[in-house]
Amino acid sequence: MTTFARNRDPLLWDALSHMRKRDVNDPARELSMFKRLFSPTYLNDAGSGNPEAVMKIVSTGMGRQSLAQLTAYIARSAEYMEDEEPLALEDETGQLIDGKAMEKSIVDEWVEDFEPLASYKEQLWKLELKNKLEFERAKLQYEGTDEKRIREINLALKREKVTDENGEEVNFHFHAPKDLTHIILSVGGDGHNIKHATEATRRFLRDNFEAQGYRYMFVAHDDTDNLHFHVIVKNKNIIDGKRLQFDKADLFTLRHDFAYHLKQMGIKRVATLRRDRIITLKSIKAQKEELFERHEIFKEKYAEQRPINVHKYREQVHKKAERLKRITERELKYSKLTPTRASELRQQLAEIKAFEKKAKMETKHISPTDPQVTTKQLQNEAKRLRSKDPAKSRRQRKHMQKYLKHFETEVNEAIRHFKIVQKRAGIDTTKHIKQLKEIKKSLGLGVGVGLKLRI
């Protein structure tokens, strides 16, 4: 059994009162992640292409401030949401929490059972820093401004590290049991009724959390194209005092049950792993065809004697082919119990490997038929670089150094190709090789950073 399942009280969970009679013998009612590929219903869902029901653990939190901020955010009653109409939350008993007074009351009630402050007093600054970052992110996301700062905050919260004024990293990882968990349940797709979706969510939460002794409150957000529900769960079980925990198998089982409840309310949703979906195989085929098509375009450009950056093309082909191989191998690993799908994946993998080998052979010694075209292009680029104004900031200098390194690689690639052409085809490219070496010398390439560009 999984971590979440171990926390269940068998006297409650196994009671027939918590399982509708019509559901007891339904094989789709509960599905194990490890036995999913033996289920005909699951395999049919994986190939159906129906919208997916999503369950996502957004964050965990500790203390009054974290709960108050999160409650205000999902209820649209935060101080920066003055133009919004506040939403009423609903708890596990069905009671509506409407207005700031009731929100404060429920926060006070939950906090009484939170982890004592004395247990993490020395780490309190970390909690305050995390709450500050989460508040700033929520405000910026609501206002829809400063996407760069939002990305910075997301990265900091993910790594649990920030950079201080002295440029040093500060770790604010928190070592203490968490008091609450923020979950998003997404219905996805279209053609659904919000009342039916809310009832399905209510039943799902009641069966999987309230029946096991976990308190929660939830609310629907339909202000975007994707109807979703925010859920705040109090981690401490009111029956046995155990903490709420999840693992991947738990999330799979819960998501499957959420999809089941949606189906019961007439909203057709499935819950499958991405690696099991037929759409993944279609995506692999589409990306492979795109790679093949790009290679044909490259060969056409070469035949027409256009200037070609062979080094850059080779690098891109290698990256894309390697990525596709990794994806296909991973999908194949999880598709051994479905012979037809496994056979198709093996075929795709063989084609990708054959293409990569062929592309390497075709581009290994390739060079434009007329070396003068490439030489002229590189000379023009070198002239442009020499005429640039001096860099005015550290950031500009860094970018210029990076570009110079790339440009040096291009010149070296051209020199190497011309030498191969001279050796194998008997075409005299000495003049062009000399011109390319002069380009390197004029820019100071190959001798450190190369600073005749005043960077």
Protein backbone atom coordinates (compact mmCIF):
# COMPACT_ATOMS: atom_id res chain seq x y z
CA MET A 1 0.00 0.00 0.00
CA THR A 2 1.07 3.55 -0.52
CA THR A 3 1.90 6.18 2.07
CA PHE A 4 -1.51 7.82 1.76
CA ALA A 5 -3.27 4.46 2.00
CA ARG A 6 -1.34 3.56 5.16
CA ASN A 7 -2.73 6.68 6.81
CA ARG A 8 -6.30 5.56 6.22
CA ASP A 9 -8.33 4.41 9.19
CA PRO A 10 -9.57 0.95 8.04
CA LEU A 11 -12.66 1.21 10.25
CA LEU A 12 -13.69 4.27 8.25
CA TRP A 13 -12.23 3.62 4.83
CA ASP A 14 -13.51 0.05 4.48
CA ALA A 15 -16.98 0.86 5.76
CA LEU A 16 -19.62 0.30 3.07
CA SER A 17 -21.25 3.57 4.14
CA HIS A 18 -18.41 5.36 2.39
CA MET A 19 -18.79 3.37 -0.81
CA ARG A 20 -21.94 3.77 -2.85
CA LYS A 21 -23.56 0.38 -3.36
CA ARG A 22 -23.49 0.71 -7.12
CA ASP A 23 -19.72 1.35 -6.94
CA VAL A 24 -18.61 -1.62 -4.83
CA ASN A 25 -18.14 -4.01 -7.75
CA ASP A 26 -17.09 -1.38 -10.27
CA PRO A 27 -13.50 -2.16 -11.44
CA ALA A 28 -13.06 1.52 -12.40
CA ARG A 29 -13.79 2.71 -8.84
CA GLU A 30 -10.21 2.35 -7.60
CA LEU A 31 -7.13 1.53 -9.65
CA SER A 32 -3.58 0.77 -8.53
CA MET A 33 -0.78 2.57 -10.34
CA PHE A 34 1.19 -0.68 -10.52
CA LYS A 35 -1.65 -2.73 -12.03
CA ARG A 36 -3.03 -0.12 -14.40
CA LEU A 37 -1.79 -1.81 -17.59
CA PHE A 38 -3.80 -4.93 -16.72
CA SER A 39 -7.01 -2.90 -16.77
CA PRO A 40 -8.87 -2.88 -20.14
CA THR A 41 -10.76 0.25 -18.99
CA TYR A 42 -7.50 2.10 -18.32
CA LEU A 43 -5.96 1.07 -21.64
CA ASN A 44 -9.11 2.25 -23.42
CA ASP A 45 -8.91 5.60 -21.57
CA ALA A 46 -5.24 5.98 -22.54
CA GLY A 47 -6.16 5.77 -26.22
CA SER A 48 -9.41 7.70 -26.06
CA GLY A 49 -7.94 11.20 -26.33
CA ASN A 50 -10.49 12.48 -23.78
CA PRO A 51 -9.52 15.45 -21.55
CA GLU A 52 -7.50 14.60 -18.45
CA ALA A 53 -8.59 15.27 -14.89
CA VAL A 54 -5.65 16.86 -13.08
CA MET A 55 -4.62 16.84 -9.43
CA LYS A 56 -1.61 18.96 -8.53
CA ILE A 57 0.11 19.54 -5.19
CA VAL A 58 0.93 23.26 -5.46
CA SER A 59 2.64 23.91 -2.13
CA THR A 60 2.79 23.18 1.56
CA GLY A 61 2.75 25.75 4.36
CA MET A 62 3.23 26.37 8.05
CA GLY A 63 1.75 28.75 10.56
CA ARG A 64 -0.98 31.37 10.69
CA GLN A 65 0.45 33.75 8.09
CA SER A 66 0.79 31.04 5.44
CA LEU A 67 -2.80 29.85 5.98
CA ALA A 68 -4.23 33.39 6.11
CA GLN A 69 -2.47 34.42 2.87
CA LEU A 70 -3.55 31.31 1.02
CA THR A 71 -7.14 31.53 2.25
CA ALA A 72 -7.38 35.18 1.18
CA TYR A 73 -5.88 34.35 -2.22
CA ILE A 74 -8.27 31.52 -3.14
CA ALA A 75 -11.27 33.45 -1.69
CA ARG A 76 -10.30 36.52 -3.76
CA SER A 77 -10.34 38.66 -0.59
CA ALA A 78 -6.65 39.63 -0.47
CA GLU A 79 -5.83 43.31 -0.06
CA TYR A 80 -4.54 43.57 -3.65
CA MET A 81 -7.85 42.16 -5.03
CA GLU A 82 -10.05 45.17 -4.28
CA ASP A 83 -11.81 44.95 -7.66
CA GLU A 84 -12.75 41.28 -7.19
CA GLU A 85 -15.97 39.90 -5.80
CA PRO A 86 -14.97 37.68 -2.82
CA LEU A 87 -15.79 33.98 -3.13
CA ALA A 88 -17.33 31.76 -0.46
CA LEU A 89 -15.25 28.75 0.56
CA GLU A 90 -16.82 25.44 1.58
CA ASP A 91 -15.44 23.17 4.32
CA GLU A 92 -15.71 19.42 4.86
CA THR A 93 -19.07 19.75 6.62
CA GLY A 94 -20.62 21.71 3.76
CA GLN A 95 -20.58 24.99 5.71
CA LEU A 96 -19.90 28.12 3.64
CA ILE A 97 -17.07 30.41 4.76
CA ASP A 98 -18.14 33.78 3.41
CA GLY A 99 -16.42 37.05 4.30
CA LYS A 100 -13.22 38.06 6.06
CA ALA A 101 -14.70 37.53 9.54
CA MET A 102 -15.48 33.87 8.83
CA GLU A 103 -12.11 33.40 7.12
CA LYS A 104 -10.37 34.74 10.24
CA SER A 105 -12.49 32.46 12.42
CA ILE A 106 -11.55 29.31 10.47
CA VAL A 107 -7.88 30.34 10.45
CA ASP A 108 -7.95 30.80 14.25
CA GLU A 109 -9.61 27.41 14.62
CA TRP A 110 -7.08 25.57 12.45
CA VAL A 111 -4.04 27.30 13.97
CA GLU A 112 -4.85 25.89 17.40
CA ASP A 113 -3.83 22.47 16.14
CA PHE A 114 -0.77 23.60 14.14
CA GLU A 115 2.84 22.77 14.99
CA PRO A 116 3.92 24.78 18.09
CA LEU A 117 6.04 27.84 17.31
CA ALA A 118 8.69 26.71 19.81
CA SER A 119 9.50 23.66 17.64
CA TYR A 120 10.83 25.84 14.81
CA LYS A 121 11.51 29.21 16.45
CA GLU A 122 15.13 29.30 15.23
CA GLN A 123 13.94 28.78 11.64
CA LEU A 124 11.19 31.37 11.81
CA TRP A 125 13.09 33.74 9.49
CA LYS A 126 12.97 31.07 6.77
CA LEU A 127 9.20 30.77 7.09
CA GLU A 128 8.79 34.56 6.97
CA LEU A 129 10.98 34.77 3.86
CA LYS A 130 8.99 32.00 2.13
CA ASN A 131 5.67 33.64 3.01
CA LYS A 132 6.95 36.98 1.73
CA LEU A 133 7.99 35.45 -1.61
CA GLU A 134 4.68 33.59 -1.99
CA PHE A 135 2.72 36.77 -1.24
CA GLU A 136 4.73 38.74 -3.82
CA ARG A 137 4.25 36.00 -6.43
CA ALA A 138 0.50 35.79 -5.83
CA LYS A 139 0.19 39.58 -6.16
CA LEU A 140 2.24 39.74 -9.37
CA GLN A 141 0.34 36.79 -10.90
CA TYR A 142 -2.98 38.45 -10.12
CA GLU A 143 -1.84 41.79 -11.58
CA GLY A 144 -0.29 40.04 -14.59
CA THR A 145 2.88 42.13 -14.44
CA ASP A 146 6.64 41.52 -14.27
CA GLU A 147 6.82 38.00 -15.68
CA LYS A 148 10.58 38.02 -15.16
CA ARG A 149 10.21 38.55 -11.42
CA ILE A 150 7.58 35.80 -11.22
CA ARG A 151 10.01 33.38 -12.87
CA GLU A 152 12.73 34.41 -10.41
CA ILE A 153 10.42 33.80 -7.44
CA ASN A 154 9.27 30.45 -8.84
CA LEU A 155 12.89 29.34 -9.20
CA ALA A 156 13.76 30.57 -5.70
CA LEU A 157 10.81 28.72 -4.14
CA LYS A 158 11.61 25.57 -6.09
CA ARG A 159 15.30 25.60 -5.11
CA GLU A 160 14.55 27.10 -1.68
CA LYS A 161 17.47 29.46 -2.20
CA VAL A 162 17.79 33.22 -2.74
CA THR A 163 20.75 35.48 -3.48
CA ASP A 164 21.48 38.18 -0.90
CA GLU A 165 22.94 41.66 -1.39
CA ASN A 166 26.50 40.28 -1.32
CA GLY A 167 25.76 37.82 -4.15
CA GLU A 168 25.80 34.81 -1.82
CA GLU A 169 23.14 32.09 -1.85
CA VAL A 170 20.93 31.79 1.21
CA ASN A 171 19.19 28.46 1.81
CA PHE A 172 15.74 28.74 3.41
CA HIS A 173 14.79 25.06 3.37
CA PHE A 174 12.50 24.46 6.32
CA HIS A 175 13.01 21.39 8.56
CA ALA A 176 9.66 20.91 10.31
CA PRO A 177 6.34 19.10 9.76
CA LYS A 178 4.06 21.05 7.45
CA ASP A 179 0.66 22.23 8.68
CA LEU A 180 -1.27 22.48 5.40
CA THR A 181 -1.24 21.42 1.75
CA HIS A 182 -2.52 23.46 -1.21
CA ILE A 183 -4.01 21.29 -3.97
CA ILE A 184 -5.50 22.19 -7.35
CA LEU A 185 -8.09 19.94 -8.98
CA SER A 186 -8.52 20.81 -12.65
CA VAL A 187 -11.50 19.65 -14.70
CA GLY A 188 -9.95 20.62 -18.06
CA GLY A 189 -11.61 20.48 -21.46
CA ASP A 190 -14.95 22.15 -22.13
CA GLY A 191 -18.64 21.35 -22.25
CA HIS A 192 -19.00 20.92 -18.50
CA ASN A 193 -21.44 22.34 -15.97
CA ILE A 194 -19.88 24.14 -12.99
CA LYS A 195 -22.59 22.88 -10.63
CA HIS A 196 -21.98 19.29 -11.66
CA ALA A 197 -18.20 19.73 -11.44
CA THR A 198 -18.54 21.26 -7.95
CA GLU A 199 -20.71 18.38 -6.78
CA ALA A 200 -18.21 15.85 -8.18
CA THR A 201 -15.36 17.65 -6.37
CA ARG A 202 -17.39 17.75 -3.15
CA ARG A 203 -17.99 13.98 -3.30
CA PHE A 204 -14.37 13.26 -4.17
CA LEU A 205 -13.05 15.30 -1.22
CA ARG A 206 -15.63 13.83 1.13
CA ASP A 207 -14.73 10.23 0.19
CA ASN A 208 -10.95 10.66 0.16
CA PHE A 209 -10.25 13.25 2.86
CA GLU A 210 -13.19 13.91 5.19
CA ALA A 211 -13.88 10.16 5.56
CA GLN A 212 -10.29 9.65 6.70
CA GLY A 213 -10.24 12.47 9.23
CA TYR A 214 -8.72 15.38 7.30
CA ARG A 215 -10.24 18.84 7.40
CA TYR A 216 -10.27 20.97 4.26
CA MET A 217 -11.89 23.91 2.48
CA PHE A 218 -12.28 24.40 -1.24
CA VAL A 219 -13.57 26.87 -3.82
CA ALA A 220 -14.12 26.88 -7.59
CA HIS A 221 -12.31 29.32 -9.90
CA ASP A 222 -14.00 29.70 -13.28
CA ASP A 223 -12.41 33.02 -14.28
CA THR A 224 -10.13 31.27 -16.80
CA ASP A 225 -10.73 28.88 -19.70
CA ASN A 226 -9.81 26.01 -17.38
CA LEU A 227 -12.31 25.35 -14.58
CA HIS A 228 -10.38 24.36 -11.45
CA PHE A 229 -10.79 24.03 -7.70
CA HIS A 230 -8.39 25.22 -5.01
CA VAL A 231 -8.28 22.97 -1.95
CA ILE A 232 -6.52 23.66 1.36
CA VAL A 233 -6.09 20.52 3.47
CA LYS A 234 -5.13 20.55 7.13
CA ASN A 235 -2.34 17.98 7.33
CA LYS A 236 -2.98 16.75 10.89
CA ASN A 237 -5.55 13.98 11.08
CA ILE A 238 -8.27 14.70 13.64
CA ILE A 239 -8.69 10.97 14.38
CA ASP A 240 -5.18 9.64 14.96
CA GLY A 241 -3.01 12.78 14.69
CA LYS A 242 -1.00 11.42 11.74
CA ARG A 243 0.34 13.77 9.08
CA LEU A 244 -0.95 13.78 5.51
CA GLN A 245 1.59 12.39 3.04
CA PHE A 246 1.48 11.62 -0.66
CA ASP A 247 3.60 9.65 -3.09
CA LYS A 248 3.25 9.23 -6.87
CA ALA A 249 1.05 6.16 -6.54
CA ASP A 250 -1.28 8.05 -4.19
CA LEU A 251 -1.64 10.93 -6.61
CA PHE A 252 -2.41 8.54 -9.46
CA THR A 253 -5.10 6.72 -7.47
CA LEU A 254 -6.65 9.97 -6.23
CA ARG A 255 -6.65 11.52 -9.72
CA HIS A 256 -8.29 8.40 -11.10
CA ASP A 257 -10.97 8.63 -8.42
CA PHE A 258 -11.50 12.33 -9.20
CA ALA A 259 -12.06 11.43 -12.86
CA TYR A 260 -14.50 8.73 -11.74
CA HIS A 261 -16.58 11.22 -9.74
CA LEU A 262 -16.63 13.61 -12.71
CA LYS A 263 -17.92 10.80 -14.93
CA GLN A 264 -20.66 10.07 -12.41
CA MET A 265 -21.81 13.69 -12.84
CA GLY A 266 -21.81 13.45 -16.63
CA ILE A 267 -18.40 15.04 -17.22
CA LYS A 268 -16.34 12.58 -19.25
CA ARG A 269 -12.74 12.79 -18.05
CA VAL A 270 -9.92 10.26 -17.82
CA ALA A 271 -6.85 9.98 -15.58
CA THR A 272 -3.87 8.34 -17.29
CA LEU A 273 -0.12 8.72 -17.10
CA ARG A 274 1.41 10.71 -19.94
CA ARG A 275 3.73 7.86 -20.86
CA ASP A 276 0.74 5.53 -21.38
CA ARG A 277 -1.21 7.79 -23.70
CA ILE A 278 -1.46 7.12 -27.43
CA ILE A 279 -1.07 10.85 -27.96
CA THR A 280 2.54 10.51 -26.76
CA LEU A 281 3.28 8.04 -29.54
CA LYS A 282 1.67 10.42 -32.05
CA SER A 283 3.86 13.23 -30.69
CA ILE A 284 7.02 11.13 -31.14
CA LYS A 285 6.04 10.38 -34.75
CA ALA A 286 5.28 14.06 -35.44
CA GLN A 287 8.61 15.22 -33.99
CA LYS A 288 10.48 12.56 -35.97
CA GLU A 289 8.82 13.66 -39.22
CA GLU A 290 9.65 17.29 -38.45
CA LEU A 291 13.30 16.33 -37.92
CA PHE A 292 13.39 14.47 -41.24
CA GLU A 293 11.77 17.42 -43.01
CA ARG A 294 14.32 19.88 -41.61
CA HIS A 295 17.11 17.66 -42.87
CA GLU A 296 15.64 17.69 -46.39
CA ILE A 297 15.48 21.51 -46.28
CA PHE A 298 19.14 21.58 -45.20
CA LYS A 299 20.14 19.39 -48.14
CA GLU A 300 18.21 21.64 -50.54
CA LYS A 301 20.05 24.71 -49.25
CA TYR A 302 23.36 22.92 -49.67
CA ALA A 303 22.52 21.88 -53.24
CA GLU A 304 21.65 25.50 -54.07
CA GLN A 305 25.02 26.62 -52.67
CA ARG A 306 23.52 28.86 -50.00
CA PRO A 307 25.68 29.86 -46.99
CA ILE A 308 25.30 27.10 -44.40
CA ASN A 309 26.27 27.01 -40.74
CA VAL A 310 27.19 23.33 -40.71
CA HIS A 311 28.38 23.31 -37.09
CA LYS A 312 25.16 24.82 -35.77
CA TYR A 313 22.99 22.48 -37.85
CA ARG A 314 24.91 19.41 -36.72
CA GLU A 315 24.58 20.51 -33.10
CA GLN A 316 20.81 21.04 -33.42
CA VAL A 317 20.26 17.69 -35.15
CA HIS A 318 22.24 15.89 -32.46
CA LYS A 319 20.28 17.56 -29.62
CA LYS A 320 16.88 16.89 -31.16
CA ALA A 321 17.70 13.28 -32.07
CA GLU A 322 19.10 12.59 -28.59
CA ARG A 323 16.01 14.09 -26.96
CA LEU A 324 13.69 12.03 -29.14
CA LYS A 325 15.68 8.88 -28.37
CA ARG A 326 15.42 9.52 -24.62
CA ILE A 327 11.66 10.07 -24.82
CA THR A 328 11.12 6.98 -26.98
CA GLU A 329 13.31 4.76 -24.79
CA ARG A 330 11.45 5.94 -21.69
CA GLU A 331 8.07 5.28 -23.32
CA LEU A 332 9.28 1.84 -24.43
CA LYS A 333 10.33 1.01 -20.88
CA TYR A 334 6.77 1.55 -19.65
CA SER A 335 5.07 -0.11 -22.60
CA LYS A 336 6.37 -3.67 -22.31
CA LEU A 337 2.96 -4.98 -21.30
CA THR A 338 1.32 -3.57 -24.44
CA PRO A 339 3.00 -5.46 -27.33
CA THR A 340 1.53 -3.42 -30.20
CA ARG A 341 2.56 -0.10 -28.69
CA ALA A 342 6.00 -1.47 -27.76
CA SER A 343 6.53 -2.68 -31.33
CA GLU A 344 5.65 0.73 -32.77
CA LEU A 345 7.98 2.47 -30.32
CA ARG A 346 10.86 0.13 -31.21
CA GLN A 347 10.28 0.93 -34.88
CA GLN A 348 10.34 4.68 -34.18
CA LEU A 349 13.52 4.30 -32.12
CA ALA A 350 15.26 2.36 -34.90
CA GLU A 351 14.30 5.03 -37.48
CA ILE A 352 15.59 7.85 -35.26
CA LYS A 353 18.92 6.07 -34.66
CA ALA A 354 19.32 5.33 -38.39
CA PHE A 355 18.59 8.98 -39.24
CA GLU A 356 21.09 10.26 -36.69
CA LYS A 357 23.80 8.01 -38.08
CA LYS A 358 22.99 9.02 -41.65
CA ALA A 359 22.91 12.74 -40.79
CA LYS A 360 26.32 12.48 -39.13
CA MET A 361 27.80 10.87 -42.24
CA GLU A 362 26.22 13.46 -44.54
CA THR A 363 27.35 16.48 -42.54
CA LYS A 364 30.67 15.19 -41.30
CA HIS A 365 32.64 16.32 -44.34
CA ILE A 366 30.13 18.64 -45.97
CA SER A 367 31.25 22.03 -47.21
CA PRO A 368 29.68 24.57 -49.58
CA THR A 369 30.56 23.91 -53.21
CA ASP A 370 31.80 27.48 -53.56
CA PRO A 371 34.06 28.29 -50.54
CA GLN A 372 33.99 31.96 -51.54
CA VAL A 373 30.35 32.24 -50.35
CA THR A 374 31.18 31.11 -46.82
CA THR A 375 34.40 33.13 -46.67
CA LYS A 376 32.64 36.32 -47.78
CA GLN A 377 29.87 35.87 -45.21
CA LEU A 378 32.33 35.37 -42.36
CA GLN A 379 34.37 38.40 -43.49
CA ASN A 380 31.24 40.57 -43.47
CA GLU A 381 30.33 39.38 -39.97
CA ALA A 382 33.89 40.08 -38.74
CA LYS A 383 33.68 43.58 -40.22
CA ARG A 384 30.40 44.18 -38.40
CA LEU A 385 31.88 43.00 -35.10
CA ARG A 386 34.92 45.28 -35.47
CA SER A 387 32.69 48.29 -36.03
CA LYS A 388 30.65 47.73 -32.86
CA ASP A 389 30.80 50.27 -30.04
CA PRO A 390 32.54 49.27 -26.79
CA ALA A 391 30.42 47.33 -24.31
CA LYS A 392 28.96 49.61 -21.64
CA SER A 393 28.10 47.05 -18.98
CA ARG A 394 29.24 43.77 -17.56
CA ARG A 395 26.21 42.06 -19.05
CA GLN A 396 27.01 43.34 -22.56
CA ARG A 397 30.62 42.19 -22.18
CA LYS A 398 29.45 38.75 -21.14
CA HIS A 399 27.13 38.47 -24.16
CA MET A 400 29.85 39.68 -26.53
CA GLN A 401 32.34 37.15 -25.18
CA LYS A 402 29.80 34.38 -25.62
CA TYR A 403 29.07 35.43 -29.21
CA LEU A 404 32.78 35.70 -30.02
CA LYS A 405 33.30 32.17 -28.81
CA HIS A 406 30.48 31.00 -31.06
CA PHE A 407 31.85 32.96 -34.02
CA GLU A 408 35.31 31.47 -33.47
CA THR A 409 33.78 27.99 -33.59
CA GLU A 410 32.13 28.84 -36.93
CA VAL A 411 35.43 30.04 -38.40
CA ASN A 412 37.28 26.95 -37.18
CA GLU A 413 34.56 24.74 -38.65
CA ALA A 414 34.90 26.45 -42.04
CA ILE A 415 38.71 26.08 -41.98
CA ARG A 416 38.40 22.40 -41.16
CA HIS A 417 35.88 21.83 -43.98
CA PHE A 418 38.05 23.64 -46.53
CA LYS A 419 41.03 21.47 -45.58
CA ILE A 420 38.92 18.34 -46.09
CA VAL A 421 37.69 19.60 -49.48
CA GLN A 422 41.28 20.33 -50.54
CA LYS A 423 42.45 16.90 -49.44
CA ARG A 424 39.60 14.79 -50.80
CA ALA A 425 38.30 16.72 -53.81
CA GLY A 426 41.61 18.24 -54.89
CA ILE A 427 40.11 21.78 -54.86
CA ASP A 428 42.60 24.48 -53.89
CA THR A 429 41.17 26.27 -50.84
CA THR A 430 44.48 27.64 -49.51
CA LYS A 431 43.42 31.23 -50.27
CA HIS A 432 40.18 30.88 -48.33
CA ILE A 433 41.86 29.19 -45.37
CA LYS A 434 44.35 32.06 -45.23
CA GLN A 435 41.52 34.61 -45.33
CA LEU A 436 39.72 32.85 -42.47
CA LYS A 437 42.89 32.79 -40.36
CA GLU A 438 43.22 36.53 -40.97
CA ILE A 439 39.68 36.98 -39.67
CA LYS A 440 40.65 35.21 -36.45
CA LYS A 441 43.78 37.31 -36.14
CA SER A 442 41.94 40.59 -36.74
CA LEU A 443 39.50 39.80 -33.95
CA GLY A 444 42.12 38.37 -31.61
CA LEU A 445 40.37 34.97 -31.59
CA GLY A 446 42.24 31.99 -30.28
CA VAL A 447 44.31 34.13 -27.88
CA GLY A 448 42.11 34.45 -24.83
CA VAL A 449 38.86 36.33 -25.10
CA GLY A 450 39.89 38.19 -28.20
CA LEU A 451 39.64 41.81 -27.42
CA LYS A 452 40.23 43.99 -30.31
CA LEU A 453 36.54 44.67 -29.93
CA ARG A 454 37.01 46.82 -26.82
CA ILE A 455 34.68 44.66 -24.74
